[in-house]
N, C-alpha and C. Protein backbone atom coordinates (compact mmCIF):
# COMPACT_ATOMS: atom_id res chain seq x y z
N MET A 1 148.33 120.43 115.52
CA MET A 1 148.00 120.82 114.16
C MET A 1 148.79 119.95 113.19
N LEU A 2 148.09 119.33 112.27
CA LEU A 2 148.72 118.48 111.27
C LEU A 2 149.31 119.36 110.17
N VAL A 3 150.57 119.11 109.82
CA VAL A 3 151.23 119.89 108.78
C VAL A 3 151.48 118.98 107.58
N LEU A 4 150.88 119.35 106.45
CA LEU A 4 151.01 118.59 105.22
C LEU A 4 151.96 119.30 104.28
N GLY A 5 152.85 118.57 103.66
CA GLY A 5 153.77 119.13 102.68
C GLY A 5 153.34 118.70 101.29
N LEU A 6 153.05 119.65 100.43
CA LEU A 6 152.62 119.38 99.06
C LEU A 6 153.74 119.75 98.11
N THR A 7 154.06 118.83 97.20
CA THR A 7 155.12 119.11 96.24
C THR A 7 154.86 118.41 94.92
N GLY A 8 155.71 118.70 93.96
CA GLY A 8 155.61 118.15 92.62
C GLY A 8 156.37 119.07 91.70
N GLY A 9 156.74 118.57 90.54
CA GLY A 9 157.48 119.37 89.59
C GLY A 9 156.66 120.52 89.04
N ILE A 10 157.31 121.38 88.29
CA ILE A 10 156.65 122.51 87.65
C ILE A 10 155.52 122.00 86.75
N GLY A 11 154.36 122.64 86.84
CA GLY A 11 153.23 122.28 85.98
C GLY A 11 152.50 121.00 86.36
N MET A 12 152.76 120.49 87.54
CA MET A 12 152.10 119.23 87.95
C MET A 12 150.70 119.45 88.54
N GLY A 13 150.37 120.67 88.94
CA GLY A 13 149.05 120.94 89.48
C GLY A 13 149.01 121.19 90.96
N LYS A 14 150.13 121.62 91.54
CA LYS A 14 150.18 121.88 92.98
C LYS A 14 149.17 122.93 93.41
N SER A 15 149.12 124.03 92.69
CA SER A 15 148.21 125.12 93.08
C SER A 15 146.76 124.68 93.02
N THR A 16 146.41 123.91 92.02
CA THR A 16 145.04 123.40 91.89
C THR A 16 144.68 122.51 93.07
N VAL A 17 145.58 121.60 93.43
CA VAL A 17 145.34 120.69 94.55
C VAL A 17 145.29 121.48 95.86
N ALA A 18 146.16 122.48 96.02
CA ALA A 18 146.14 123.30 97.24
C ALA A 18 144.79 124.01 97.38
N LYS A 19 144.24 124.51 96.26
CA LYS A 19 142.92 125.16 96.31
C LYS A 19 141.84 124.17 96.71
N MET A 20 141.97 122.94 96.27
CA MET A 20 140.98 121.91 96.65
C MET A 20 141.04 121.63 98.15
N PHE A 21 142.23 121.56 98.71
CA PHE A 21 142.36 121.38 100.16
C PHE A 21 141.81 122.61 100.89
N ALA A 22 142.08 123.80 100.35
CA ALA A 22 141.56 125.02 100.98
C ALA A 22 140.04 125.01 101.01
N SER A 23 139.41 124.49 99.95
CA SER A 23 137.95 124.42 99.91
C SER A 23 137.41 123.47 100.96
N LEU A 24 138.27 122.58 101.47
CA LEU A 24 137.89 121.66 102.53
C LEU A 24 138.28 122.19 103.92
N GLY A 25 138.75 123.44 103.95
CA GLY A 25 139.07 124.08 105.24
C GLY A 25 140.51 123.95 105.68
N VAL A 26 141.41 123.55 104.76
CA VAL A 26 142.83 123.44 105.11
C VAL A 26 143.56 124.63 104.51
N PRO A 27 143.95 125.62 105.33
CA PRO A 27 144.65 126.79 104.79
C PRO A 27 146.01 126.38 104.23
N SER A 28 146.45 127.08 103.18
CA SER A 28 147.71 126.70 102.56
C SER A 28 148.68 127.86 102.46
N PHE A 29 149.94 127.50 102.54
CA PHE A 29 151.05 128.43 102.34
C PHE A 29 151.69 128.05 101.02
N ASN A 30 151.85 129.02 100.13
CA ASN A 30 152.43 128.77 98.82
C ASN A 30 153.82 129.41 98.78
N ALA A 31 154.86 128.57 98.70
CA ALA A 31 156.23 129.07 98.71
C ALA A 31 156.51 129.96 97.51
N ASP A 32 155.94 129.62 96.34
CA ASP A 32 156.16 130.46 95.16
C ASP A 32 155.54 131.85 95.34
N ASP A 33 154.34 131.90 95.96
CA ASP A 33 153.72 133.20 96.23
C ASP A 33 154.58 134.03 97.19
N ALA A 34 155.17 133.33 98.18
CA ALA A 34 156.05 134.02 99.13
C ALA A 34 157.26 134.59 98.41
N VAL A 35 157.81 133.83 97.46
CA VAL A 35 158.96 134.31 96.68
C VAL A 35 158.57 135.58 95.92
N HIS A 36 157.40 135.55 95.27
CA HIS A 36 156.96 136.73 94.51
C HIS A 36 156.78 137.95 95.42
N LYS A 37 156.24 137.73 96.60
CA LYS A 37 156.05 138.83 97.55
C LYS A 37 157.41 139.40 98.00
N LEU A 38 158.35 138.51 98.28
CA LEU A 38 159.67 138.93 98.74
C LEU A 38 160.45 139.63 97.64
N GLN A 39 160.15 139.27 96.38
CA GLN A 39 160.86 139.85 95.23
C GLN A 39 160.11 141.03 94.60
N ALA A 40 158.96 141.37 95.14
CA ALA A 40 158.19 142.50 94.62
C ALA A 40 158.86 143.81 95.04
N PRO A 41 158.54 144.92 94.37
CA PRO A 41 159.11 146.20 94.79
C PRO A 41 158.90 146.44 96.28
N GLY A 42 159.97 146.75 96.98
CA GLY A 42 159.91 146.95 98.42
C GLY A 42 160.06 145.67 99.21
N GLY A 43 160.12 144.53 98.53
CA GLY A 43 160.25 143.23 99.21
C GLY A 43 161.61 143.06 99.87
N LYS A 44 161.65 142.22 100.88
CA LYS A 44 162.88 142.01 101.66
C LYS A 44 164.04 141.46 100.83
N ALA A 45 163.73 140.76 99.72
CA ALA A 45 164.80 140.15 98.93
C ALA A 45 165.45 141.13 97.95
N ILE A 46 164.79 142.22 97.64
CA ILE A 46 165.27 143.12 96.58
C ILE A 46 166.71 143.62 96.82
N PRO A 47 167.03 144.18 98.00
CA PRO A 47 168.41 144.65 98.18
C PRO A 47 169.44 143.52 98.12
N LEU A 48 169.06 142.35 98.60
CA LEU A 48 169.98 141.21 98.58
C LEU A 48 170.22 140.72 97.16
N LEU A 49 169.16 140.68 96.36
CA LEU A 49 169.29 140.25 94.96
C LEU A 49 170.08 141.28 94.16
N ASN A 50 169.86 142.54 94.44
CA ASN A 50 170.58 143.61 93.75
C ASN A 50 172.08 143.48 94.00
N ALA A 51 172.45 143.14 95.22
CA ALA A 51 173.87 143.00 95.57
C ALA A 51 174.47 141.72 94.95
N ALA A 52 173.69 140.63 94.95
CA ALA A 52 174.21 139.35 94.48
C ALA A 52 174.20 139.21 92.96
N PHE A 53 173.23 139.88 92.31
CA PHE A 53 173.07 139.77 90.86
C PHE A 53 172.94 141.16 90.25
N PRO A 54 174.04 141.89 90.18
CA PRO A 54 174.00 143.27 89.66
C PRO A 54 173.34 143.33 88.27
N GLY A 55 172.50 144.34 88.12
CA GLY A 55 171.83 144.54 86.83
C GLY A 55 170.47 143.89 86.73
N THR A 56 170.09 143.06 87.72
CA THR A 56 168.77 142.42 87.66
C THR A 56 167.70 143.25 88.35
N VAL A 57 168.12 144.24 89.13
CA VAL A 57 167.17 145.12 89.81
C VAL A 57 167.40 146.54 89.31
N GLU A 58 166.34 147.14 88.78
CA GLU A 58 166.42 148.52 88.32
C GLU A 58 165.31 149.34 88.96
N HIS A 59 165.68 150.41 89.64
CA HIS A 59 164.70 151.28 90.32
C HIS A 59 163.82 150.47 91.27
N GLY A 60 164.44 149.49 91.96
CA GLY A 60 163.71 148.70 92.95
C GLY A 60 162.83 147.60 92.38
N VAL A 61 162.90 147.38 91.06
CA VAL A 61 162.07 146.36 90.42
C VAL A 61 162.96 145.25 89.88
N LEU A 62 162.66 144.00 90.27
CA LEU A 62 163.42 142.84 89.81
C LEU A 62 163.00 142.45 88.40
N ASN A 63 163.98 142.27 87.53
CA ASN A 63 163.74 141.74 86.19
C ASN A 63 163.86 140.21 86.31
N ARG A 64 162.72 139.55 86.49
CA ARG A 64 162.72 138.09 86.72
C ARG A 64 163.32 137.31 85.56
N ALA A 65 163.04 137.74 84.35
CA ALA A 65 163.58 137.04 83.18
C ALA A 65 165.11 137.11 83.17
N ALA A 66 165.66 138.28 83.50
CA ALA A 66 167.12 138.42 83.54
C ALA A 66 167.72 137.53 84.63
N LEU A 67 167.07 137.50 85.79
CA LEU A 67 167.56 136.65 86.88
C LEU A 67 167.49 135.18 86.48
N ARG A 68 166.37 134.78 85.87
CA ARG A 68 166.21 133.38 85.42
C ARG A 68 167.30 133.01 84.41
N ASP A 69 167.60 133.93 83.49
CA ASP A 69 168.65 133.66 82.49
C ASP A 69 170.01 133.45 83.16
N ILE A 70 170.27 134.17 84.24
CA ILE A 70 171.55 134.04 84.94
C ILE A 70 171.65 132.71 85.67
N VAL A 71 170.60 132.31 86.38
CA VAL A 71 170.71 131.15 87.28
C VAL A 71 170.40 129.80 86.64
N LEU A 72 169.64 129.77 85.55
CA LEU A 72 169.21 128.49 85.00
C LEU A 72 170.37 127.60 84.58
N ASP A 73 171.40 128.17 83.99
CA ASP A 73 172.52 127.35 83.50
C ASP A 73 173.79 127.51 84.32
N ASP A 74 173.68 128.06 85.51
CA ASP A 74 174.85 128.32 86.34
C ASP A 74 174.57 127.82 87.76
N ASP A 75 175.14 126.66 88.10
CA ASP A 75 174.87 126.05 89.41
C ASP A 75 175.28 126.95 90.56
N ALA A 76 176.41 127.63 90.43
CA ALA A 76 176.88 128.50 91.51
C ALA A 76 175.91 129.67 91.71
N ALA A 77 175.42 130.24 90.61
CA ALA A 77 174.46 131.34 90.70
C ALA A 77 173.15 130.85 91.31
N MET A 78 172.72 129.65 90.93
CA MET A 78 171.49 129.08 91.50
C MET A 78 171.64 128.89 93.01
N ARG A 79 172.79 128.39 93.43
CA ARG A 79 173.02 128.21 94.88
C ARG A 79 173.00 129.56 95.60
N ARG A 80 173.58 130.59 94.98
CA ARG A 80 173.58 131.93 95.57
C ARG A 80 172.15 132.43 95.73
N LEU A 81 171.34 132.22 94.70
CA LEU A 81 169.94 132.64 94.76
C LEU A 81 169.21 131.87 95.87
N GLU A 82 169.43 130.57 95.95
CA GLU A 82 168.77 129.76 96.98
C GLU A 82 169.19 130.17 98.38
N GLN A 83 170.46 130.53 98.55
CA GLN A 83 170.95 130.96 99.87
C GLN A 83 170.30 132.27 100.30
N ILE A 84 169.88 133.06 99.35
CA ILE A 84 169.16 134.29 99.66
C ILE A 84 167.69 134.00 99.94
N MET A 85 167.05 133.25 99.04
CA MET A 85 165.60 133.11 99.09
C MET A 85 165.10 132.10 100.12
N HIS A 86 165.76 130.96 100.27
CA HIS A 86 165.22 129.92 101.14
C HIS A 86 165.03 130.37 102.59
N PRO A 87 166.00 131.04 103.22
CA PRO A 87 165.76 131.50 104.60
C PRO A 87 164.60 132.50 104.70
N LEU A 88 164.47 133.38 103.70
CA LEU A 88 163.38 134.35 103.72
C LEU A 88 162.02 133.67 103.59
N VAL A 89 161.93 132.69 102.69
CA VAL A 89 160.68 131.95 102.50
C VAL A 89 160.36 131.14 103.75
N HIS A 90 161.39 130.54 104.34
CA HIS A 90 161.18 129.74 105.56
C HIS A 90 160.62 130.62 106.68
N ARG A 91 161.08 131.86 106.77
CA ARG A 91 160.57 132.79 107.78
C ARG A 91 159.08 133.10 107.54
N GLU A 92 158.73 133.32 106.27
CA GLU A 92 157.32 133.57 105.92
C GLU A 92 156.46 132.36 106.27
N GLU A 93 156.98 131.17 105.99
CA GLU A 93 156.25 129.94 106.33
C GLU A 93 156.02 129.84 107.84
N ALA A 94 157.04 130.15 108.62
CA ALA A 94 156.92 130.08 110.09
C ALA A 94 155.85 131.04 110.59
N LEU A 95 155.78 132.23 110.01
CA LEU A 95 154.74 133.18 110.39
C LEU A 95 153.35 132.65 110.05
N PHE A 96 153.21 132.05 108.87
CA PHE A 96 151.93 131.46 108.46
C PHE A 96 151.51 130.35 109.42
N ARG A 97 152.45 129.47 109.75
CA ARG A 97 152.13 128.35 110.65
C ARG A 97 151.70 128.85 112.02
N ALA A 98 152.40 129.84 112.54
CA ALA A 98 152.06 130.39 113.86
C ALA A 98 150.67 131.01 113.84
N GLN A 99 150.35 131.73 112.77
CA GLN A 99 149.03 132.36 112.65
C GLN A 99 147.93 131.30 112.56
N ALA A 100 148.17 130.24 111.78
CA ALA A 100 147.18 129.17 111.64
C ALA A 100 146.98 128.44 112.97
N PHE A 101 148.06 128.23 113.70
CA PHE A 101 147.97 127.57 115.00
C PHE A 101 147.14 128.41 115.97
N ARG A 102 147.42 129.72 116.00
CA ARG A 102 146.66 130.61 116.88
C ARG A 102 145.19 130.66 116.50
N ALA A 103 144.89 130.47 115.21
CA ALA A 103 143.50 130.50 114.74
C ALA A 103 142.79 129.16 114.96
N GLY A 104 143.53 128.17 115.46
CA GLY A 104 142.92 126.88 115.77
C GLY A 104 142.76 125.94 114.59
N ALA A 105 143.55 126.12 113.55
CA ALA A 105 143.46 125.23 112.37
C ALA A 105 143.82 123.80 112.77
N LYS A 106 143.02 122.83 112.28
CA LYS A 106 143.34 121.42 112.52
C LYS A 106 144.51 120.96 111.68
N ALA A 107 144.65 121.58 110.50
CA ALA A 107 145.72 121.21 109.58
C ALA A 107 146.07 122.40 108.70
N VAL A 108 147.30 122.40 108.19
CA VAL A 108 147.74 123.37 107.20
C VAL A 108 148.46 122.61 106.09
N LEU A 109 148.49 123.24 104.93
CA LEU A 109 149.17 122.66 103.78
C LEU A 109 150.29 123.60 103.35
N LEU A 110 151.49 123.07 103.24
CA LEU A 110 152.63 123.85 102.77
C LEU A 110 152.93 123.43 101.34
N ASP A 111 152.67 124.31 100.38
CA ASP A 111 152.92 124.06 98.96
C ASP A 111 154.35 124.50 98.67
N ILE A 112 155.27 123.52 98.65
CA ILE A 112 156.70 123.81 98.51
C ILE A 112 157.26 122.98 97.35
N PRO A 113 157.53 123.62 96.20
CA PRO A 113 158.03 122.87 95.05
C PRO A 113 159.30 122.06 95.33
N LEU A 114 160.21 122.61 96.14
CA LEU A 114 161.47 121.91 96.44
C LEU A 114 161.43 121.28 97.83
N LEU A 115 160.31 120.68 98.18
CA LEU A 115 160.11 120.10 99.51
C LEU A 115 161.22 119.11 99.86
N PHE A 116 161.43 118.11 99.01
CA PHE A 116 162.43 117.08 99.29
C PHE A 116 163.85 117.60 99.04
N GLU A 117 164.00 118.43 98.01
CA GLU A 117 165.34 118.93 97.67
C GLU A 117 165.94 119.78 98.77
N THR A 118 165.10 120.49 99.53
CA THR A 118 165.60 121.40 100.58
C THR A 118 165.51 120.81 101.98
N GLY A 119 165.00 119.58 102.10
CA GLY A 119 164.85 118.97 103.42
C GLY A 119 163.62 119.45 104.17
N ALA A 120 162.73 120.18 103.49
CA ALA A 120 161.54 120.71 104.15
C ALA A 120 160.57 119.62 104.59
N GLN A 121 160.72 118.40 104.04
CA GLN A 121 159.85 117.31 104.46
C GLN A 121 160.03 116.98 105.95
N LEU A 122 161.14 117.41 106.52
CA LEU A 122 161.40 117.18 107.94
C LEU A 122 160.54 118.10 108.82
N ARG A 123 159.92 119.13 108.21
CA ARG A 123 159.08 120.08 108.95
C ARG A 123 157.59 119.76 108.82
N VAL A 124 157.26 118.63 108.18
CA VAL A 124 155.85 118.28 107.98
C VAL A 124 155.56 116.90 108.54
N ASN A 125 154.25 116.63 108.75
CA ASN A 125 153.84 115.32 109.25
C ASN A 125 153.62 114.30 108.13
N LYS A 126 153.08 114.78 107.01
CA LYS A 126 152.79 113.91 105.86
C LYS A 126 153.14 114.65 104.58
N THR A 127 153.59 113.89 103.58
CA THR A 127 153.93 114.51 102.30
C THR A 127 152.98 114.03 101.21
N ILE A 128 152.64 114.96 100.33
CA ILE A 128 151.74 114.68 99.20
C ILE A 128 152.45 115.15 97.94
N VAL A 129 152.56 114.25 96.97
CA VAL A 129 153.15 114.61 95.68
C VAL A 129 152.05 114.62 94.62
N VAL A 130 152.02 115.69 93.82
CA VAL A 130 151.13 115.72 92.66
C VAL A 130 151.95 115.33 91.45
N SER A 131 151.33 114.54 90.59
CA SER A 131 152.07 113.98 89.46
C SER A 131 151.19 113.94 88.22
N ALA A 132 151.81 114.20 87.07
CA ALA A 132 151.12 114.13 85.78
C ALA A 132 152.13 113.66 84.74
N PRO A 133 151.66 113.12 83.62
CA PRO A 133 152.59 112.72 82.57
C PRO A 133 153.40 113.92 82.07
N LEU A 134 154.60 113.65 81.58
CA LEU A 134 155.52 114.70 81.13
C LEU A 134 154.89 115.59 80.07
N ASP A 135 154.16 115.03 79.11
CA ASP A 135 153.57 115.86 78.05
C ASP A 135 152.52 116.81 78.60
N VAL A 136 151.77 116.37 79.61
CA VAL A 136 150.77 117.23 80.25
C VAL A 136 151.48 118.33 81.03
N GLN A 137 152.53 117.96 81.74
CA GLN A 137 153.32 118.92 82.52
C GLN A 137 153.86 120.03 81.62
N ILE A 138 154.48 119.66 80.51
CA ILE A 138 155.06 120.64 79.59
C ILE A 138 153.98 121.53 78.98
N ALA A 139 152.87 120.93 78.56
CA ALA A 139 151.77 121.70 77.95
C ALA A 139 151.22 122.73 78.94
N ARG A 140 151.09 122.36 80.20
CA ARG A 140 150.59 123.30 81.21
C ARG A 140 151.51 124.50 81.36
N VAL A 141 152.81 124.25 81.43
CA VAL A 141 153.75 125.35 81.62
C VAL A 141 153.80 126.22 80.36
N LEU A 142 153.80 125.60 79.20
CA LEU A 142 153.80 126.37 77.95
C LEU A 142 152.58 127.29 77.87
N SER A 143 151.44 126.81 78.36
CA SER A 143 150.20 127.60 78.27
C SER A 143 150.27 128.87 79.12
N ARG A 144 151.18 128.92 80.07
CA ARG A 144 151.34 130.13 80.89
C ARG A 144 151.99 131.26 80.09
N GLY A 145 152.72 130.89 79.03
CA GLY A 145 153.33 131.88 78.15
C GLY A 145 154.51 132.64 78.73
N ILE A 146 155.15 132.10 79.76
CA ILE A 146 156.27 132.83 80.36
C ILE A 146 157.62 132.16 80.10
N MET A 147 157.59 130.93 79.54
CA MET A 147 158.83 130.21 79.26
C MET A 147 158.70 129.47 77.94
N ASP A 148 159.86 129.27 77.31
CA ASP A 148 159.85 128.45 76.11
C ASP A 148 160.20 127.01 76.48
N ILE A 149 160.14 126.12 75.51
CA ILE A 149 160.34 124.69 75.77
C ILE A 149 161.73 124.39 76.33
N GLU A 150 162.74 125.13 75.89
CA GLU A 150 164.10 124.89 76.39
C GLU A 150 164.22 125.27 77.86
N GLN A 151 163.62 126.39 78.25
CA GLN A 151 163.66 126.81 79.65
C GLN A 151 162.91 125.81 80.53
N ILE A 152 161.77 125.32 80.03
CA ILE A 152 161.00 124.33 80.79
C ILE A 152 161.82 123.06 80.98
N ALA A 153 162.46 122.60 79.90
CA ALA A 153 163.28 121.38 79.98
C ALA A 153 164.42 121.55 80.98
N THR A 154 165.02 122.73 81.01
CA THR A 154 166.11 123.00 81.96
C THR A 154 165.60 122.94 83.39
N ILE A 155 164.44 123.53 83.64
CA ILE A 155 163.86 123.50 85.00
C ILE A 155 163.52 122.08 85.40
N ILE A 156 162.89 121.33 84.52
CA ILE A 156 162.53 119.94 84.83
C ILE A 156 163.79 119.12 85.14
N ALA A 157 164.86 119.34 84.36
CA ALA A 157 166.11 118.61 84.57
C ALA A 157 166.74 118.95 85.92
N ARG A 158 166.53 120.17 86.42
CA ARG A 158 167.11 120.60 87.70
C ARG A 158 166.32 120.06 88.90
N GLN A 159 165.05 119.72 88.67
CA GLN A 159 164.21 119.25 89.78
C GLN A 159 164.38 117.75 90.00
N MET A 160 164.09 117.32 91.21
CA MET A 160 164.10 115.89 91.51
C MET A 160 163.12 115.20 90.56
N PRO A 161 163.50 114.06 89.98
CA PRO A 161 162.59 113.37 89.06
C PRO A 161 161.26 113.00 89.73
N ASP A 162 160.20 113.09 88.94
CA ASP A 162 158.86 112.79 89.42
C ASP A 162 158.80 111.41 90.07
N LYS A 163 159.40 110.43 89.45
CA LYS A 163 159.38 109.05 89.97
C LYS A 163 159.99 109.00 91.38
N GLN A 164 161.07 109.72 91.57
CA GLN A 164 161.73 109.75 92.88
C GLN A 164 160.85 110.44 93.93
N LYS A 165 160.20 111.54 93.54
CA LYS A 165 159.30 112.23 94.47
C LYS A 165 158.14 111.33 94.88
N ARG A 166 157.58 110.62 93.89
CA ARG A 166 156.46 109.72 94.19
C ARG A 166 156.88 108.63 95.17
N ALA A 167 158.10 108.13 95.03
CA ALA A 167 158.60 107.07 95.91
C ALA A 167 158.78 107.57 97.35
N LEU A 168 159.06 108.85 97.51
CA LEU A 168 159.28 109.41 98.85
C LEU A 168 157.99 109.85 99.54
N ALA A 169 156.92 110.00 98.78
CA ALA A 169 155.68 110.60 99.30
C ALA A 169 154.85 109.63 100.13
N ASP A 170 154.12 110.21 101.08
CA ASP A 170 153.11 109.43 101.81
C ASP A 170 151.87 109.23 100.95
N TYR A 171 151.55 110.25 100.13
CA TYR A 171 150.39 110.18 99.24
C TYR A 171 150.78 110.74 97.87
N VAL A 172 150.22 110.15 96.82
CA VAL A 172 150.42 110.65 95.46
C VAL A 172 149.04 110.96 94.87
N ILE A 173 148.91 112.17 94.35
CA ILE A 173 147.67 112.58 93.69
C ILE A 173 147.98 112.80 92.21
N HIS A 174 147.37 111.99 91.37
CA HIS A 174 147.58 112.09 89.92
C HIS A 174 146.65 113.15 89.35
N THR A 175 147.25 114.12 88.65
CA THR A 175 146.47 115.25 88.13
C THR A 175 146.40 115.24 86.60
N GLY A 176 146.85 114.19 85.99
CA GLY A 176 146.89 114.15 84.53
C GLY A 176 145.63 113.63 83.89
N LEU A 177 144.67 113.22 84.69
CA LEU A 177 143.42 112.70 84.15
C LEU A 177 142.40 113.84 84.15
N SER A 178 141.23 113.61 84.72
CA SER A 178 140.22 114.67 84.75
C SER A 178 140.26 115.40 86.09
N LYS A 179 139.64 116.58 86.11
CA LYS A 179 139.54 117.33 87.36
C LYS A 179 138.74 116.53 88.39
N PHE A 180 137.73 115.81 87.91
CA PHE A 180 136.92 114.99 88.80
C PHE A 180 137.79 113.96 89.52
N ASN A 181 138.70 113.31 88.80
CA ASN A 181 139.58 112.32 89.42
C ASN A 181 140.49 112.97 90.46
N THR A 182 140.96 114.18 90.16
CA THR A 182 141.82 114.88 91.11
C THR A 182 141.03 115.24 92.37
N VAL A 183 139.82 115.75 92.21
CA VAL A 183 138.97 116.09 93.36
C VAL A 183 138.73 114.84 94.21
N ARG A 184 138.44 113.74 93.56
CA ARG A 184 138.18 112.49 94.28
C ARG A 184 139.42 112.04 95.07
N ALA A 185 140.60 112.19 94.46
CA ALA A 185 141.84 111.81 95.13
C ALA A 185 142.10 112.71 96.34
N VAL A 186 141.84 114.01 96.21
CA VAL A 186 142.02 114.94 97.33
C VAL A 186 141.08 114.57 98.47
N HIS A 187 139.83 114.28 98.15
CA HIS A 187 138.86 113.90 99.19
C HIS A 187 139.28 112.61 99.88
N ARG A 188 139.86 111.66 99.11
CA ARG A 188 140.31 110.40 99.70
C ARG A 188 141.43 110.66 100.70
N VAL A 189 142.41 111.48 100.33
CA VAL A 189 143.53 111.81 101.22
C VAL A 189 143.01 112.54 102.45
N PHE A 190 142.12 113.50 102.24
CA PHE A 190 141.52 114.27 103.33
C PHE A 190 140.86 113.33 104.35
N LYS A 191 140.11 112.35 103.84
CA LYS A 191 139.42 111.40 104.71
C LYS A 191 140.41 110.48 105.42
N GLU A 192 141.42 109.99 104.70
CA GLU A 192 142.40 109.10 105.32
C GLU A 192 143.20 109.80 106.42
N LEU A 193 143.36 111.11 106.29
CA LEU A 193 144.08 111.87 107.31
C LEU A 193 143.20 112.19 108.52
N GLY A 194 141.92 111.86 108.42
CA GLY A 194 141.00 112.10 109.53
C GLY A 194 140.61 113.55 109.72
N LEU A 195 140.64 114.31 108.63
CA LEU A 195 140.31 115.74 108.74
C LEU A 195 138.85 116.01 108.54
């Protein structure tokens, strides 16, 4: 089973590209979705986050904004959060991969925003980076209405630069043009991989 690693900065279009691969029969694992599941009421991360970040969990519900405010400008707090979340997400990924293998999937796609930063590229056969111009990236995240421009800038500054990710990738899919161009690029990669 071919394992593809999909990455790119916030707002680059990872989810859109993952859906395009899914439409071609490549099931995908979304690390951000796994984080949300783990941090939902009753999720495995809730007691750990409550202990590590007092006041961010009330009545079993995580206040994501409060947690984000704590970790965005504090490297030690961010490392503490990563030490909690990364092993849990990795376990969810392993379950997904095993299920896909048992189902006979020819390939799977792992949508992992911090693919290179966490060394997850060592768990995949090929890496794909999605990339868009900075102004497009910022506009996309702003349109979600969950962060202001300062929070977005802080997140972008914490992530590996787009140029560096593109240099490390086996494939780069540019998402800053039209949807048609993105679809065409996905089909090209799909064909080159022999899927």
